[in-house]
Amino acid sequence: MFSHSYAYPGPKNQAPPLLICNDLVADGHKSEEPASWRTCIHNSSLILTAARKQGWQIVHVYRQDRAPNPIASLRPQPEEPVFQCRGPSALSSSALRDFLVMSKTEEIILIGRSLVPCCLSTAVAAADLGVAVTLIADAVSHPMSDIHGSSLSIAHAAMRLIPQFANMTSTAKLLQLQSSLSLLVSGT
């Protein structure tokens, strides 16, 4: 399922993946399904901590139409770039697209708010750029269901579409792979 080793440096001194933390804001709970949002925040925190320890590139993306108000435990570190996007895709930020090219990013790990439309549109845009995407399914929130259940239907349709543009995995599998590869690289 994973085409790249995430331990850094890898066997071929391969660059680490780019972790995109997509719109992890304090008021996210207002539009997202509550249990999904809590799980997303918890797992995003675990992944962000592991990514920092492994030396991954990390960027944070927020919507341009409102002031960023990151969740305290998920605030960007001073060395982590912050981008603002104008559309649902994180890659609607021309500065982030330029960053991908300049950093020669080959793979994105995607976590954050709103499977639909944000994470799905980011995965499609990355595929258009030829960048591999791994979406961490339990570190991405789902929109709150409406009275007619159409939001739930849209989320289910998106889950069927995602594999055309991205690999999907869980936080546990990603962190287990990270731990195994770190031991392999360190030789212990």
C-alpha atoms as a PDB file:
ATOM      1  CA  MET A   1       0.000   0.000   0.000  1.00  0.00           C
ATOM      2  CA  PHE A   2       2.815   2.411   0.798  1.00  0.00           C
ATOM      3  CA  SER A   3       5.209   3.002  -2.028  1.00  0.00           C
ATOM      4  CA  HIS A   4       7.765   4.959  -0.038  1.00  0.00           C
ATOM      5  CA  SER A   5       9.679   4.369   3.167  1.00  0.00           C
ATOM      6  CA  TYR A   6       8.964   7.075   5.694  1.00  0.00           C
ATOM      7  CA  ALA A   7      11.966   6.626   7.947  1.00  0.00           C
ATOM      8  CA  TYR A   8      14.280   9.561   7.468  1.00  0.00           C
ATOM      9  CA  PRO A   9      16.768   9.302   6.036  1.00  0.00           C
ATOM     10  CA  GLY A  10      15.495   6.297   4.093  1.00  0.00           C
ATOM     11  CA  PRO A  11      17.643   3.648   2.472  1.00  0.00           C
ATOM     12  CA  LYS A  12      18.277   5.920  -0.513  1.00  0.00           C
ATOM     13  CA  ASN A  13      18.338   9.169   1.468  1.00  0.00           C
ATOM     14  CA  GLN A  14      14.883   9.758   0.119  1.00  0.00           C
ATOM     15  CA  ALA A  15      13.259  12.995   1.223  1.00  0.00           C
ATOM     16  CA  PRO A  16      10.617  12.585   3.916  1.00  0.00           C
ATOM     17  CA  PRO A  17       6.980  13.082   2.949  1.00  0.00           C
ATOM     18  CA  LEU A  18       5.252  16.423   3.310  1.00  0.00           C
ATOM     19  CA  LEU A  19       2.602  16.427   6.032  1.00  0.00           C
ATOM     20  CA  ILE A  20      -0.242  18.801   5.198  1.00  0.00           C
ATOM     21  CA  CYS A  21      -2.268  19.814   8.255  1.00  0.00           C
ATOM     22  CA  ASN A  22      -5.421  21.082   6.597  1.00  0.00           C
ATOM     23  CA  ASP A  23      -7.530  23.705   8.403  1.00  0.00           C
ATOM     24  CA  LEU A  24      -7.189  22.309  11.930  1.00  0.00           C
ATOM     25  CA  VAL A  25      -8.910  25.294  13.533  1.00  0.00           C
ATOM     26  CA  ALA A  26     -10.551  25.811  16.913  1.00  0.00           C
ATOM     27  CA  ASP A  27     -14.014  26.387  15.436  1.00  0.00           C
ATOM     28  CA  GLY A  28     -13.921  23.298  13.212  1.00  0.00           C
ATOM     29  CA  HIS A  29     -16.353  21.537  15.497  1.00  0.00           C
ATOM     30  CA  LYS A  30     -19.127  23.843  14.289  1.00  0.00           C
ATOM     31  CA  SER A  31     -19.340  22.274  10.838  1.00  0.00           C
ATOM     32  CA  GLU A  32     -17.983  18.776  11.414  1.00  0.00           C
ATOM     33  CA  GLU A  33     -19.609  15.684  12.871  1.00  0.00           C
ATOM     34  CA  PRO A  34     -18.603  15.823  16.589  1.00  0.00           C
ATOM     35  CA  ALA A  35     -17.176  12.299  17.038  1.00  0.00           C
ATOM     36  CA  SER A  36     -15.361  12.555  13.719  1.00  0.00           C
ATOM     37  CA  TRP A  37     -13.882  15.926  14.726  1.00  0.00           C
ATOM     38  CA  ARG A  38     -12.660  14.647  18.108  1.00  0.00           C
ATOM     39  CA  THR A  39     -11.054  11.599  16.474  1.00  0.00           C
ATOM     40  CA  CYS A  40      -9.486  13.796  13.798  1.00  0.00           C
ATOM     41  CA  ILE A  41      -7.941  16.130  16.392  1.00  0.00           C
ATOM     42  CA  HIS A  42      -6.648  13.283  18.565  1.00  0.00           C
ATOM     43  CA  ASN A  43      -5.094  11.377  15.657  1.00  0.00           C
ATOM     44  CA  SER A  44      -3.759  14.526  13.997  1.00  0.00           C
ATOM     45  CA  SER A  45      -1.927  15.326  17.228  1.00  0.00           C
ATOM     46  CA  LEU A  46      -0.348  11.847  17.302  1.00  0.00           C
ATOM     47  CA  ILE A  47       0.717  12.113  13.658  1.00  0.00           C
ATOM     48  CA  LEU A  48       2.058  15.650  14.013  1.00  0.00           C
ATOM     49  CA  THR A  49       4.164  14.626  17.027  1.00  0.00           C
ATOM     50  CA  ALA A  50       5.585  11.613  15.162  1.00  0.00           C
ATOM     51  CA  ALA A  51       6.229  13.668  12.018  1.00  0.00           C
ATOM     52  CA  ARG A  52       8.195  16.246  13.994  1.00  0.00           C
ATOM     53  CA  LYS A  53      10.300  13.501  15.597  1.00  0.00           C
ATOM     54  CA  GLN A  54      10.964  11.895  12.193  1.00  0.00           C
ATOM     55  CA  GLY A  55      12.030  15.144  10.525  1.00  0.00           C
ATOM     56  CA  TRP A  56       9.218  15.310   7.980  1.00  0.00           C
ATOM     57  CA  GLN A  57       8.429  18.521   6.188  1.00  0.00           C
ATOM     58  CA  ILE A  58       5.255  19.940   7.748  1.00  0.00           C
ATOM     59  CA  VAL A  59       2.977  22.679   6.463  1.00  0.00           C
ATOM     60  CA  HIS A  60      -0.243  24.108   7.839  1.00  0.00           C
ATOM     61  CA  VAL A  61      -3.006  25.362   5.581  1.00  0.00           C
ATOM     62  CA  TYR A  62      -5.871  27.661   6.559  1.00  0.00           C
ATOM     63  CA  ARG A  63      -8.713  29.256   4.639  1.00  0.00           C
ATOM     64  CA  GLN A  64      -8.027  32.740   3.299  1.00  0.00           C
ATOM     65  CA  ASP A  65     -11.558  33.976   4.061  1.00  0.00           C
ATOM     66  CA  ARG A  66     -11.099  33.852   7.841  1.00  0.00           C
ATOM     67  CA  ALA A  67      -8.353  34.455  10.362  1.00  0.00           C
ATOM     68  CA  PRO A  68      -6.392  31.305  11.259  1.00  0.00           C
ATOM     69  CA  ASN A  69      -7.251  30.129  14.743  1.00  0.00           C
ATOM     70  CA  PRO A  70      -5.315  26.877  15.144  1.00  0.00           C
ATOM     71  CA  ILE A  71      -6.113  24.381  17.855  1.00  0.00           C
ATOM     72  CA  ALA A  72      -3.556  24.949  20.614  1.00  0.00           C
ATOM     73  CA  SER A  73      -2.097  21.426  20.505  1.00  0.00           C
ATOM     74  CA  LEU A  74      -1.748  21.607  16.704  1.00  0.00           C
ATOM     75  CA  ARG A  75      -0.188  25.061  16.357  1.00  0.00           C
ATOM     76  CA  PRO A  76       2.552  25.422  13.781  1.00  0.00           C
ATOM     77  CA  GLN A  77       6.118  25.504  15.059  1.00  0.00           C
ATOM     78  CA  PRO A  78       8.148  28.555  13.938  1.00  0.00           C
ATOM     79  CA  GLU A  79       9.948  26.518  11.251  1.00  0.00           C
ATOM     80  CA  GLU A  80       6.713  25.085   9.794  1.00  0.00           C
ATOM     81  CA  PRO A  81       5.355  27.128   6.882  1.00  0.00           C
ATOM     82  CA  VAL A  82       1.767  28.356   6.987  1.00  0.00           C
ATOM     83  CA  PHE A  83      -0.227  28.839   3.789  1.00  0.00           C
ATOM     84  CA  GLN A  84      -3.619  30.321   3.100  1.00  0.00           C
ATOM     85  CA  CYS A  85      -5.849  28.852   0.411  1.00  0.00           C
ATOM     86  CA  ARG A  86      -8.704  30.530  -1.367  1.00  0.00           C
ATOM     87  CA  GLY A  87     -10.653  27.388  -2.315  1.00  0.00           C
ATOM     88  CA  PRO A  88     -11.436  24.045  -0.721  1.00  0.00           C
ATOM     89  CA  SER A  89      -8.174  22.451  -1.899  1.00  0.00           C
ATOM     90  CA  ALA A  90      -5.049  23.189   0.110  1.00  0.00           C
ATOM     91  CA  LEU A  91      -3.359  23.387  -3.284  1.00  0.00           C
ATOM     92  CA  SER A  92      -5.501  26.358  -4.279  1.00  0.00           C
ATOM     93  CA  SER A  93      -2.644  28.231  -2.585  1.00  0.00           C
ATOM     94  CA  SER A  94      -0.179  29.122  -5.346  1.00  0.00           C
ATOM     95  CA  ALA A  95       2.488  29.560  -2.661  1.00  0.00           C
ATOM     96  CA  LEU A  96       1.967  25.960  -1.498  1.00  0.00           C
ATOM     97  CA  ARG A  97       2.126  24.681  -5.082  1.00  0.00           C
ATOM     98  CA  ASP A  98       5.410  26.588  -5.510  1.00  0.00           C
ATOM     99  CA  PHE A  99       6.659  25.081  -2.232  1.00  0.00           C
ATOM    100  CA  LEU A 100       5.886  21.563  -3.530  1.00  0.00           C
ATOM    101  CA  VAL A 101       7.913  22.193  -6.670  1.00  0.00           C
ATOM    102  CA  MET A 102      10.832  23.877  -4.872  1.00  0.00           C
ATOM    103  CA  SER A 103      11.048  21.153  -2.206  1.00  0.00           C
ATOM    104  CA  LYS A 104      10.713  18.392  -4.835  1.00  0.00           C
ATOM    105  CA  THR A 105       7.938  16.811  -2.808  1.00  0.00           C
ATOM    106  CA  GLU A 106       7.089  13.331  -4.046  1.00  0.00           C
ATOM    107  CA  GLU A 107       4.543  12.375  -1.421  1.00  0.00           C
ATOM    108  CA  ILE A 108       1.968  14.127   0.713  1.00  0.00           C
ATOM    109  CA  ILE A 109       0.465  12.786   3.925  1.00  0.00           C
ATOM    110  CA  LEU A 110      -2.890  14.514   4.373  1.00  0.00           C
ATOM    111  CA  ILE A 111      -4.721  15.106   7.655  1.00  0.00           C
ATOM    112  CA  GLY A 112      -7.305  17.640   8.728  1.00  0.00           C
ATOM    113  CA  ARG A 113     -10.703  19.098   8.326  1.00  0.00           C
ATOM    114  CA  SER A 114     -13.468  18.027   5.964  1.00  0.00           C
ATOM    115  CA  LEU A 115     -13.077  14.984   3.797  1.00  0.00           C
ATOM    116  CA  VAL A 116     -15.555  16.738   1.503  1.00  0.00           C
ATOM    117  CA  PRO A 117     -14.700  19.092  -0.040  1.00  0.00           C
ATOM    118  CA  CYS A 118     -11.246  19.959   1.339  1.00  0.00           C
ATOM    119  CA  CYS A 119      -9.306  16.694   1.487  1.00  0.00           C
ATOM    120  CA  LEU A 120     -10.893  15.185  -1.630  1.00  0.00           C
ATOM    121  CA  SER A 121     -10.120  18.300  -3.698  1.00  0.00           C
ATOM    122  CA  THR A 122      -6.561  18.417  -2.312  1.00  0.00           C
ATOM    123  CA  ALA A 123      -6.002  14.765  -3.289  1.00  0.00           C
ATOM    124  CA  VAL A 124      -7.305  15.416  -6.812  1.00  0.00           C
ATOM    125  CA  ALA A 125      -5.142  18.545  -7.208  1.00  0.00           C
ATOM    126  CA  ALA A 126      -2.041  16.695  -5.975  1.00  0.00           C
ATOM    127  CA  ALA A 127      -2.708  13.847  -8.406  1.00  0.00           C
ATOM    128  CA  ASP A 128      -2.915  16.434 -11.196  1.00  0.00           C
ATOM    129  CA  LEU A 129       0.561  17.619 -10.155  1.00  0.00           C
ATOM    130  CA  GLY A 130       1.921  14.058 -10.121  1.00  0.00           C
ATOM    131  CA  VAL A 131       2.396  13.997  -6.340  1.00  0.00           C
ATOM    132  CA  ALA A 132       1.425  10.821  -4.447  1.00  0.00           C
ATOM    133  CA  VAL A 133      -1.045  11.306  -1.601  1.00  0.00           C
ATOM    134  CA  THR A 134      -1.746   9.195   1.459  1.00  0.00           C
ATOM    135  CA  LEU A 135      -4.911  10.235   3.240  1.00  0.00           C
ATOM    136  CA  ILE A 136      -5.096   9.214   6.889  1.00  0.00           C
ATOM    137  CA  ALA A 137      -8.777   8.276   7.031  1.00  0.00           C
ATOM    138  CA  ASP A 138      -9.176   8.545  10.810  1.00  0.00           C
ATOM    139  CA  ALA A 139      -7.310  11.876  10.948  1.00  0.00           C
ATOM    140  CA  VAL A 140      -9.737  13.564   8.558  1.00  0.00           C
ATOM    141  CA  SER A 141     -13.113  14.815   9.789  1.00  0.00           C
ATOM    142  CA  HIS A 142     -16.484  14.460   8.109  1.00  0.00           C
ATOM    143  CA  PRO A 143     -19.113  17.176   7.726  1.00  0.00           C
ATOM    144  CA  MET A 144     -22.102  17.180  10.016  1.00  0.00           C
ATOM    145  CA  SER A 145     -25.054  15.281   8.537  1.00  0.00           C
ATOM    146  CA  ASP A 146     -28.017  17.348   7.503  1.00  0.00           C
ATOM    147  CA  ILE A 147     -31.618  16.430   8.175  1.00  0.00           C
ATOM    148  CA  HIS A 148     -31.950  14.592   4.849  1.00  0.00           C
ATOM    149  CA  GLY A 149     -28.685  12.672   5.231  1.00  0.00           C
ATOM    150  CA  SER A 150     -27.243  14.047   1.991  1.00  0.00           C
ATOM    151  CA  SER A 151     -23.960  14.999   3.716  1.00  0.00           C
ATOM    152  CA  LEU A 152     -23.519  11.383   4.765  1.00  0.00           C
ATOM    153  CA  SER A 153     -24.212  10.196   1.211  1.00  0.00           C
ATOM    154  CA  ILE A 154     -21.665  12.668  -0.135  1.00  0.00           C
ATOM    155  CA  ALA A 155     -19.060  11.494   2.404  1.00  0.00           C
ATOM    156  CA  HIS A 156     -19.646   7.856   1.406  1.00  0.00           C
ATOM    157  CA  ALA A 157     -19.318   8.748  -2.282  1.00  0.00           C
ATOM    158  CA  ALA A 158     -16.071  10.595  -1.527  1.00  0.00           C
ATOM    159  CA  MET A 159     -14.685   7.553   0.298  1.00  0.00           C
ATOM    160  CA  ARG A 160     -15.302   5.531  -2.861  1.00  0.00           C
ATOM    161  CA  LEU A 161     -13.616   8.205  -5.020  1.00  0.00           C
ATOM    162  CA  ILE A 162     -10.506   8.798  -2.886  1.00  0.00           C
ATOM    163  CA  PRO A 163      -8.704   5.557  -3.903  1.00  0.00           C
ATOM    164  CA  GLN A 164      -8.533   6.852  -7.482  1.00  0.00           C
ATOM    165  CA  PHE A 165      -6.377   9.755  -6.281  1.00  0.00           C
ATOM    166  CA  ALA A 166      -4.774   8.671  -3.012  1.00  0.00           C
ATOM    167  CA  ASN A 167      -3.775   5.749  -0.842  1.00  0.00           C
ATOM    168  CA  MET A 168      -5.750   5.500   2.376  1.00  0.00           C
ATOM    169  CA  THR A 169      -4.563   4.211   5.705  1.00  0.00           C
ATOM    170  CA  SER A 170      -5.173   4.659   9.423  1.00  0.00           C
ATOM    171  CA  THR A 171      -3.206   6.503  12.074  1.00  0.00           C
ATOM    172  CA  ALA A 172      -2.270   3.204  13.749  1.00  0.00           C
ATOM    173  CA  LYS A 173      -0.909   1.714  10.525  1.00  0.00           C
ATOM    174  CA  LEU A 174       1.010   4.875   9.653  1.00  0.00           C
ATOM    175  CA  LEU A 175       2.583   5.108  13.116  1.00  0.00           C
ATOM    176  CA  GLN A 176       3.322   1.361  13.217  1.00  0.00           C
ATOM    177  CA  LEU A 177       5.073   1.626   9.853  1.00  0.00           C
ATOM    178  CA  GLN A 178       7.009   4.644  11.108  1.00  0.00           C
ATOM    179  CA  SER A 179       8.124   2.805  14.217  1.00  0.00           C
ATOM    180  CA  SER A 180       9.179  -0.297  12.260  1.00  0.00           C
ATOM    181  CA  LEU A 181      11.117   1.700   9.680  1.00  0.00           C
ATOM    182  CA  SER A 182      12.859   3.774  12.343  1.00  0.00           C
ATOM    183  CA  LEU A 183      14.113   0.593  13.992  1.00  0.00           C
ATOM    184  CA  LEU A 184      15.239  -0.772  10.626  1.00  0.00           C
ATOM    185  CA  VAL A 185      17.165   2.387   9.751  1.00  0.00           C
ATOM    186  CA  SER A 186      18.763   2.682  13.197  1.00  0.00           C
ATOM    187  CA  GLY A 187      19.719  -1.012  13.174  1.00  0.00           C
ATOM    188  CA  THR A 188      18.236  -1.779  16.593  1.00  0.00           C
END
